[in-house]
Amino acid sequence: MTTPGRLTLWDWLRSNLRDHDTSDTLTRLETAMATAAEQLNTLSTKVDDLVSDVRAALDILRSERDNFSPDAQTAFDQLDQKVAAFDAEIGDADGSDTPATPEEPTEPGTDTFR
């Protein structure tokens, strides 16, 4: 029989082992999440660089478009259409293409569901 407020040796061992395992699991999870976040940030930076490079190259080609041969103009038009189709497929995931609209002011005491 144990007195209230005191742990048996078994309870103490079980508690300490459980806490140790939980701590190890959390440490591994934190490490995995930090690694994943770093990898996603690196990938995001690479995608941003790629997008800006493609846009810059297209701008240069558009400025020289009048000097293209008919075949080069056709090839450029096809490339431009592919980029536009890809841009449309991705959409505006981050909201950067949509201008911010100011919120409509509401009068105090009126409902906001119109």
N, C-alpha and C. Protein backbone atom coordinates (compact mmCIF):
# COMPACT_ATOMS: atom_id res chain seq x y z
N MET A 1 0.84 -1.17 0.00
CA MET A 1 0.00 0.00 0.00
C MET A 1 0.89 1.24 0.00
N THR A 2 0.54 2.18 -0.86
CA THR A 2 1.32 3.41 -0.95
C THR A 2 0.57 4.55 -0.30
N THR A 3 1.32 5.50 0.16
CA THR A 3 0.68 6.68 0.75
C THR A 3 0.35 7.67 -0.36
N PRO A 4 -0.73 8.42 -0.20
CA PRO A 4 -1.11 9.37 -1.23
C PRO A 4 -0.01 10.41 -1.46
N GLY A 5 0.20 10.78 -2.72
CA GLY A 5 1.19 11.78 -3.06
C GLY A 5 2.58 11.23 -3.29
N ARG A 6 2.77 9.95 -3.06
CA ARG A 6 4.08 9.35 -3.27
C ARG A 6 3.98 8.37 -4.43
N LEU A 7 5.02 8.33 -5.22
CA LEU A 7 5.06 7.41 -6.35
C LEU A 7 5.80 6.14 -5.96
N THR A 8 5.33 5.05 -6.50
CA THR A 8 6.08 3.81 -6.34
C THR A 8 7.24 3.88 -7.33
N LEU A 9 8.19 3.01 -7.15
CA LEU A 9 9.32 2.96 -8.06
C LEU A 9 8.83 2.71 -9.48
N TRP A 10 7.87 1.83 -9.65
CA TRP A 10 7.33 1.52 -10.97
C TRP A 10 6.68 2.75 -11.61
N ASP A 11 5.87 3.49 -10.83
CA ASP A 11 5.24 4.70 -11.34
C ASP A 11 6.27 5.73 -11.75
N TRP A 12 7.32 5.87 -10.92
CA TRP A 12 8.37 6.83 -11.21
C TRP A 12 9.10 6.46 -12.50
N LEU A 13 9.46 5.19 -12.66
CA LEU A 13 10.15 4.74 -13.88
C LEU A 13 9.27 4.94 -15.11
N ARG A 14 8.01 4.52 -15.00
CA ARG A 14 7.09 4.65 -16.13
C ARG A 14 6.93 6.12 -16.52
N SER A 15 6.80 7.00 -15.54
CA SER A 15 6.63 8.42 -15.81
C SER A 15 7.87 9.00 -16.48
N ASN A 16 9.04 8.68 -15.97
CA ASN A 16 10.27 9.22 -16.53
C ASN A 16 10.56 8.67 -17.91
N LEU A 17 10.29 7.39 -18.12
CA LEU A 17 10.51 6.81 -19.45
C LEU A 17 9.54 7.40 -20.46
N ARG A 18 8.30 7.58 -20.07
CA ARG A 18 7.30 8.15 -20.97
C ARG A 18 7.69 9.57 -21.35
N ASP A 19 8.10 10.38 -20.36
CA ASP A 19 8.48 11.75 -20.63
C ASP A 19 9.72 11.81 -21.52
N HIS A 20 10.66 10.92 -21.30
CA HIS A 20 11.87 10.89 -22.12
C HIS A 20 11.52 10.54 -23.56
N ASP A 21 10.67 9.53 -23.75
CA ASP A 21 10.26 9.15 -25.11
C ASP A 21 9.51 10.29 -25.79
N THR A 22 8.64 10.95 -25.06
CA THR A 22 7.88 12.07 -25.63
C THR A 22 8.83 13.19 -26.03
N SER A 23 9.79 13.48 -25.18
CA SER A 23 10.76 14.53 -25.48
C SER A 23 11.57 14.18 -26.73
N ASP A 24 12.01 12.93 -26.83
CA ASP A 24 12.76 12.50 -28.01
C ASP A 24 11.90 12.60 -29.27
N THR A 25 10.66 12.19 -29.15
CA THR A 25 9.74 12.25 -30.29
C THR A 25 9.52 13.69 -30.72
N LEU A 26 9.30 14.58 -29.75
CA LEU A 26 9.10 15.99 -30.07
C LEU A 26 10.35 16.60 -30.69
N THR A 27 11.51 16.23 -30.19
CA THR A 27 12.76 16.74 -30.74
C THR A 27 12.92 16.30 -32.19
N ARG A 28 12.63 15.03 -32.46
CA ARG A 28 12.72 14.53 -33.83
C ARG A 28 11.71 15.23 -34.73
N LEU A 29 10.50 15.45 -34.23
CA LEU A 29 9.46 16.13 -34.99
C LEU A 29 9.85 17.57 -35.28
N GLU A 30 10.38 18.27 -34.27
CA GLU A 30 10.83 19.65 -34.47
C GLU A 30 11.94 19.72 -35.51
N THR A 31 12.87 18.78 -35.44
CA THR A 31 13.96 18.74 -36.41
C THR A 31 13.44 18.48 -37.81
N ALA A 32 12.52 17.54 -37.93
CA ALA A 32 11.95 17.23 -39.25
C ALA A 32 11.18 18.43 -39.80
N MET A 33 10.42 19.12 -38.95
CA MET A 33 9.65 20.27 -39.41
C MET A 33 10.59 21.42 -39.81
N ALA A 34 11.66 21.63 -39.07
CA ALA A 34 12.61 22.68 -39.41
C ALA A 34 13.29 22.37 -40.74
N THR A 35 13.64 21.11 -40.95
CA THR A 35 14.26 20.70 -42.21
C THR A 35 13.28 20.89 -43.37
N ALA A 36 12.04 20.48 -43.17
CA ALA A 36 11.03 20.65 -44.22
C ALA A 36 10.81 22.12 -44.53
N ALA A 37 10.74 22.95 -43.51
CA ALA A 37 10.53 24.39 -43.73
C ALA A 37 11.71 24.98 -44.50
N GLU A 38 12.92 24.57 -44.15
CA GLU A 38 14.10 25.07 -44.86
C GLU A 38 14.08 24.63 -46.32
N GLN A 39 13.71 23.38 -46.57
CA GLN A 39 13.64 22.89 -47.94
C GLN A 39 12.56 23.61 -48.73
N LEU A 40 11.41 23.86 -48.12
CA LEU A 40 10.34 24.58 -48.81
C LEU A 40 10.74 26.02 -49.10
N ASN A 41 11.41 26.67 -48.16
CA ASN A 41 11.88 28.03 -48.39
C ASN A 41 12.90 28.09 -49.52
N THR A 42 13.80 27.11 -49.56
CA THR A 42 14.79 27.05 -50.63
C THR A 42 14.10 26.85 -51.98
N LEU A 43 13.13 25.93 -52.02
CA LEU A 43 12.39 25.69 -53.26
C LEU A 43 11.61 26.92 -53.68
N SER A 44 11.00 27.59 -52.75
CA SER A 44 10.25 28.80 -53.04
C SER A 44 11.15 29.88 -53.65
N THR A 45 12.34 30.03 -53.09
CA THR A 45 13.30 31.00 -53.62
C THR A 45 13.70 30.63 -55.05
N LYS A 46 13.93 29.35 -55.29
CA LYS A 46 14.31 28.90 -56.64
C LYS A 46 13.18 29.15 -57.63
N VAL A 47 11.94 28.91 -57.22
CA VAL A 47 10.80 29.14 -58.10
C VAL A 47 10.67 30.63 -58.40
N ASP A 48 10.84 31.48 -57.37
CA ASP A 48 10.79 32.93 -57.59
C ASP A 48 11.86 33.37 -58.59
N ASP A 49 13.07 32.82 -58.44
CA ASP A 49 14.16 33.15 -59.36
C ASP A 49 13.83 32.70 -60.78
N LEU A 50 13.27 31.50 -60.91
CA LEU A 50 12.91 30.98 -62.22
C LEU A 50 11.86 31.86 -62.89
N VAL A 51 10.83 32.22 -62.13
CA VAL A 51 9.75 33.04 -62.68
C VAL A 51 10.30 34.39 -63.15
N SER A 52 11.13 35.02 -62.33
CA SER A 52 11.67 36.32 -62.72
C SER A 52 12.58 36.20 -63.93
N ASP A 53 13.36 35.11 -64.02
CA ASP A 53 14.22 34.90 -65.19
C ASP A 53 13.39 34.71 -66.46
N VAL A 54 12.33 33.92 -66.37
CA VAL A 54 11.47 33.68 -67.54
C VAL A 54 10.79 34.98 -67.97
N ARG A 55 10.28 35.74 -67.00
CA ARG A 55 9.63 37.01 -67.35
C ARG A 55 10.61 37.98 -67.99
N ALA A 56 11.83 38.05 -67.47
CA ALA A 56 12.85 38.94 -68.05
C ALA A 56 13.19 38.50 -69.46
N ALA A 57 13.35 37.20 -69.67
CA ALA A 57 13.66 36.71 -71.01
C ALA A 57 12.52 37.00 -71.99
N LEU A 58 11.28 36.82 -71.55
CA LEU A 58 10.14 37.12 -72.42
C LEU A 58 10.06 38.61 -72.74
N ASP A 59 10.37 39.46 -71.79
CA ASP A 59 10.37 40.90 -72.05
C ASP A 59 11.42 41.27 -73.10
N ILE A 60 12.59 40.67 -73.00
CA ILE A 60 13.64 40.92 -73.99
C ILE A 60 13.19 40.45 -75.36
N LEU A 61 12.60 39.25 -75.42
CA LEU A 61 12.13 38.73 -76.71
C LEU A 61 11.00 39.59 -77.28
N ARG A 62 10.11 40.06 -76.43
CA ARG A 62 9.02 40.93 -76.92
C ARG A 62 9.57 42.22 -77.52
N SER A 63 10.62 42.75 -76.92
CA SER A 63 11.19 43.99 -77.45
C SER A 63 11.88 43.78 -78.78
N GLU A 64 12.32 42.57 -79.05
CA GLU A 64 13.00 42.25 -80.32
C GLU A 64 12.08 41.56 -81.32
N ARG A 65 10.83 41.44 -80.98
CA ARG A 65 9.89 40.66 -81.79
C ARG A 65 9.80 41.14 -83.24
N ASP A 66 9.91 42.44 -83.47
CA ASP A 66 9.81 42.97 -84.84
C ASP A 66 10.96 42.51 -85.72
N ASN A 67 12.06 42.11 -85.11
CA ASN A 67 13.23 41.66 -85.87
C ASN A 67 13.23 40.15 -86.13
N PHE A 68 12.23 39.46 -85.64
CA PHE A 68 12.17 38.01 -85.82
C PHE A 68 11.79 37.65 -87.24
N SER A 69 12.27 36.50 -87.65
CA SER A 69 11.80 35.92 -88.91
C SER A 69 10.38 35.40 -88.66
N PRO A 70 9.63 35.12 -89.72
CA PRO A 70 8.28 34.58 -89.52
C PRO A 70 8.29 33.29 -88.68
N ASP A 71 9.26 32.42 -88.91
CA ASP A 71 9.34 31.18 -88.12
C ASP A 71 9.64 31.48 -86.65
N ALA A 72 10.52 32.44 -86.39
CA ALA A 72 10.86 32.80 -85.02
C ALA A 72 9.66 33.46 -84.34
N GLN A 73 8.90 34.26 -85.08
CA GLN A 73 7.70 34.87 -84.51
C GLN A 73 6.68 33.81 -84.12
N THR A 74 6.52 32.82 -84.99
CA THR A 74 5.60 31.72 -84.70
C THR A 74 6.05 30.95 -83.45
N ALA A 75 7.34 30.65 -83.38
CA ALA A 75 7.88 29.93 -82.23
C ALA A 75 7.71 30.75 -80.95
N PHE A 76 7.96 32.07 -81.04
CA PHE A 76 7.79 32.91 -79.88
C PHE A 76 6.33 32.97 -79.44
N ASP A 77 5.42 33.10 -80.41
CA ASP A 77 3.99 33.14 -80.08
C ASP A 77 3.56 31.86 -79.35
N GLN A 78 4.07 30.72 -79.82
CA GLN A 78 3.73 29.44 -79.17
C GLN A 78 4.29 29.39 -77.75
N LEU A 79 5.53 29.85 -77.59
CA LEU A 79 6.14 29.88 -76.26
C LEU A 79 5.37 30.82 -75.34
N ASP A 80 5.00 31.99 -75.84
CA ASP A 80 4.25 32.96 -75.05
C ASP A 80 2.90 32.38 -74.64
N GLN A 81 2.24 31.65 -75.53
CA GLN A 81 0.95 31.03 -75.22
C GLN A 81 1.11 29.94 -74.15
N LYS A 82 2.19 29.17 -74.24
CA LYS A 82 2.44 28.13 -73.24
C LYS A 82 2.66 28.74 -71.86
N VAL A 83 3.43 29.82 -71.82
CA VAL A 83 3.68 30.49 -70.53
C VAL A 83 2.38 31.06 -69.98
N ALA A 84 1.57 31.67 -70.84
CA ALA A 84 0.29 32.23 -70.41
C ALA A 84 -0.65 31.13 -69.92
N ALA A 85 -0.66 29.99 -70.61
CA ALA A 85 -1.50 28.86 -70.19
C ALA A 85 -1.04 28.32 -68.83
N PHE A 86 0.27 28.23 -68.65
CA PHE A 86 0.80 27.75 -67.38
C PHE A 86 0.46 28.73 -66.26
N ASP A 87 0.59 30.02 -66.54
CA ASP A 87 0.25 31.05 -65.54
C ASP A 87 -1.23 30.96 -65.17
N ALA A 88 -2.08 30.74 -66.17
CA ALA A 88 -3.52 30.61 -65.90
C ALA A 88 -3.82 29.34 -65.12
N GLU A 89 -3.09 28.27 -65.40
CA GLU A 89 -3.29 27.01 -64.69
C GLU A 89 -2.94 27.15 -63.20
N ILE A 90 -1.86 27.85 -62.94
CA ILE A 90 -1.44 28.06 -61.55
C ILE A 90 -2.37 29.03 -60.86
N GLY A 91 -2.77 30.05 -61.57
CA GLY A 91 -3.67 31.04 -60.99
C GLY A 91 -2.93 32.02 -60.11
N ASP A 92 -3.66 32.65 -59.26
CA ASP A 92 -3.11 33.68 -58.38
C ASP A 92 -3.09 33.15 -56.95
N ALA A 93 -2.28 32.15 -56.73
CA ALA A 93 -2.26 31.47 -55.44
C ALA A 93 -1.89 32.39 -54.28
N ASP A 94 -0.99 33.33 -54.53
CA ASP A 94 -0.56 34.20 -53.43
C ASP A 94 -1.28 35.54 -53.41
N GLY A 95 -2.20 35.78 -54.35
CA GLY A 95 -2.97 37.02 -54.37
C GLY A 95 -2.22 38.22 -54.91
N SER A 96 -1.03 38.00 -55.47
CA SER A 96 -0.22 39.12 -55.95
C SER A 96 -0.76 39.75 -57.23
N ASP A 97 -1.54 39.01 -57.99
CA ASP A 97 -2.08 39.55 -59.23
C ASP A 97 -3.39 40.31 -59.03
N THR A 98 -3.97 40.17 -57.87
CA THR A 98 -5.25 40.82 -57.59
C THR A 98 -5.02 42.05 -56.74
N PRO A 99 -5.42 43.23 -57.23
CA PRO A 99 -5.21 44.42 -56.42
C PRO A 99 -6.05 44.37 -55.15
N ALA A 100 -5.50 44.90 -54.09
CA ALA A 100 -6.22 44.91 -52.81
C ALA A 100 -7.39 45.87 -52.91
N THR A 101 -8.54 45.43 -52.44
CA THR A 101 -9.73 46.28 -52.43
C THR A 101 -9.99 46.72 -51.01
N PRO A 102 -10.25 48.00 -50.83
CA PRO A 102 -10.52 48.44 -49.45
C PRO A 102 -11.82 47.85 -48.94
N GLU A 103 -11.85 47.59 -47.65
CA GLU A 103 -13.06 47.03 -47.06
C GLU A 103 -14.14 48.10 -47.01
N GLU A 104 -15.35 47.67 -47.24
CA GLU A 104 -16.48 48.60 -47.20
C GLU A 104 -16.76 48.98 -45.75
N PRO A 105 -16.78 50.28 -45.48
CA PRO A 105 -17.05 50.67 -44.08
C PRO A 105 -18.47 50.30 -43.68
N THR A 106 -18.61 49.90 -42.45
CA THR A 106 -19.94 49.56 -41.95
C THR A 106 -20.31 50.52 -40.85
N GLU A 107 -21.57 50.78 -40.75
CA GLU A 107 -22.06 51.67 -39.71
C GLU A 107 -22.24 50.88 -38.43
N PRO A 108 -21.92 51.50 -37.31
CA PRO A 108 -22.11 50.78 -36.04
C PRO A 108 -23.58 50.39 -35.86
N GLY A 109 -23.80 49.21 -35.36
CA GLY A 109 -25.15 48.75 -35.08
C GLY A 109 -25.83 48.12 -36.27
N THR A 110 -25.19 48.07 -37.42
CA THR A 110 -25.82 47.43 -38.59
C THR A 110 -25.18 46.06 -38.79
N ASP A 111 -25.95 45.17 -39.35
CA ASP A 111 -25.36 43.87 -39.59
C ASP A 111 -24.45 43.95 -40.81
N THR A 112 -23.46 43.07 -40.85
CA THR A 112 -22.51 43.09 -41.96
C THR A 112 -22.87 42.11 -43.05
N PHE A 113 -23.97 41.42 -42.90
CA PHE A 113 -24.39 40.44 -43.90
C PHE A 113 -25.39 41.09 -44.82
N ARG A 114 -24.94 41.51 -45.99
CA ARG A 114 -25.83 42.19 -46.94
C ARG A 114 -26.13 41.31 -48.10
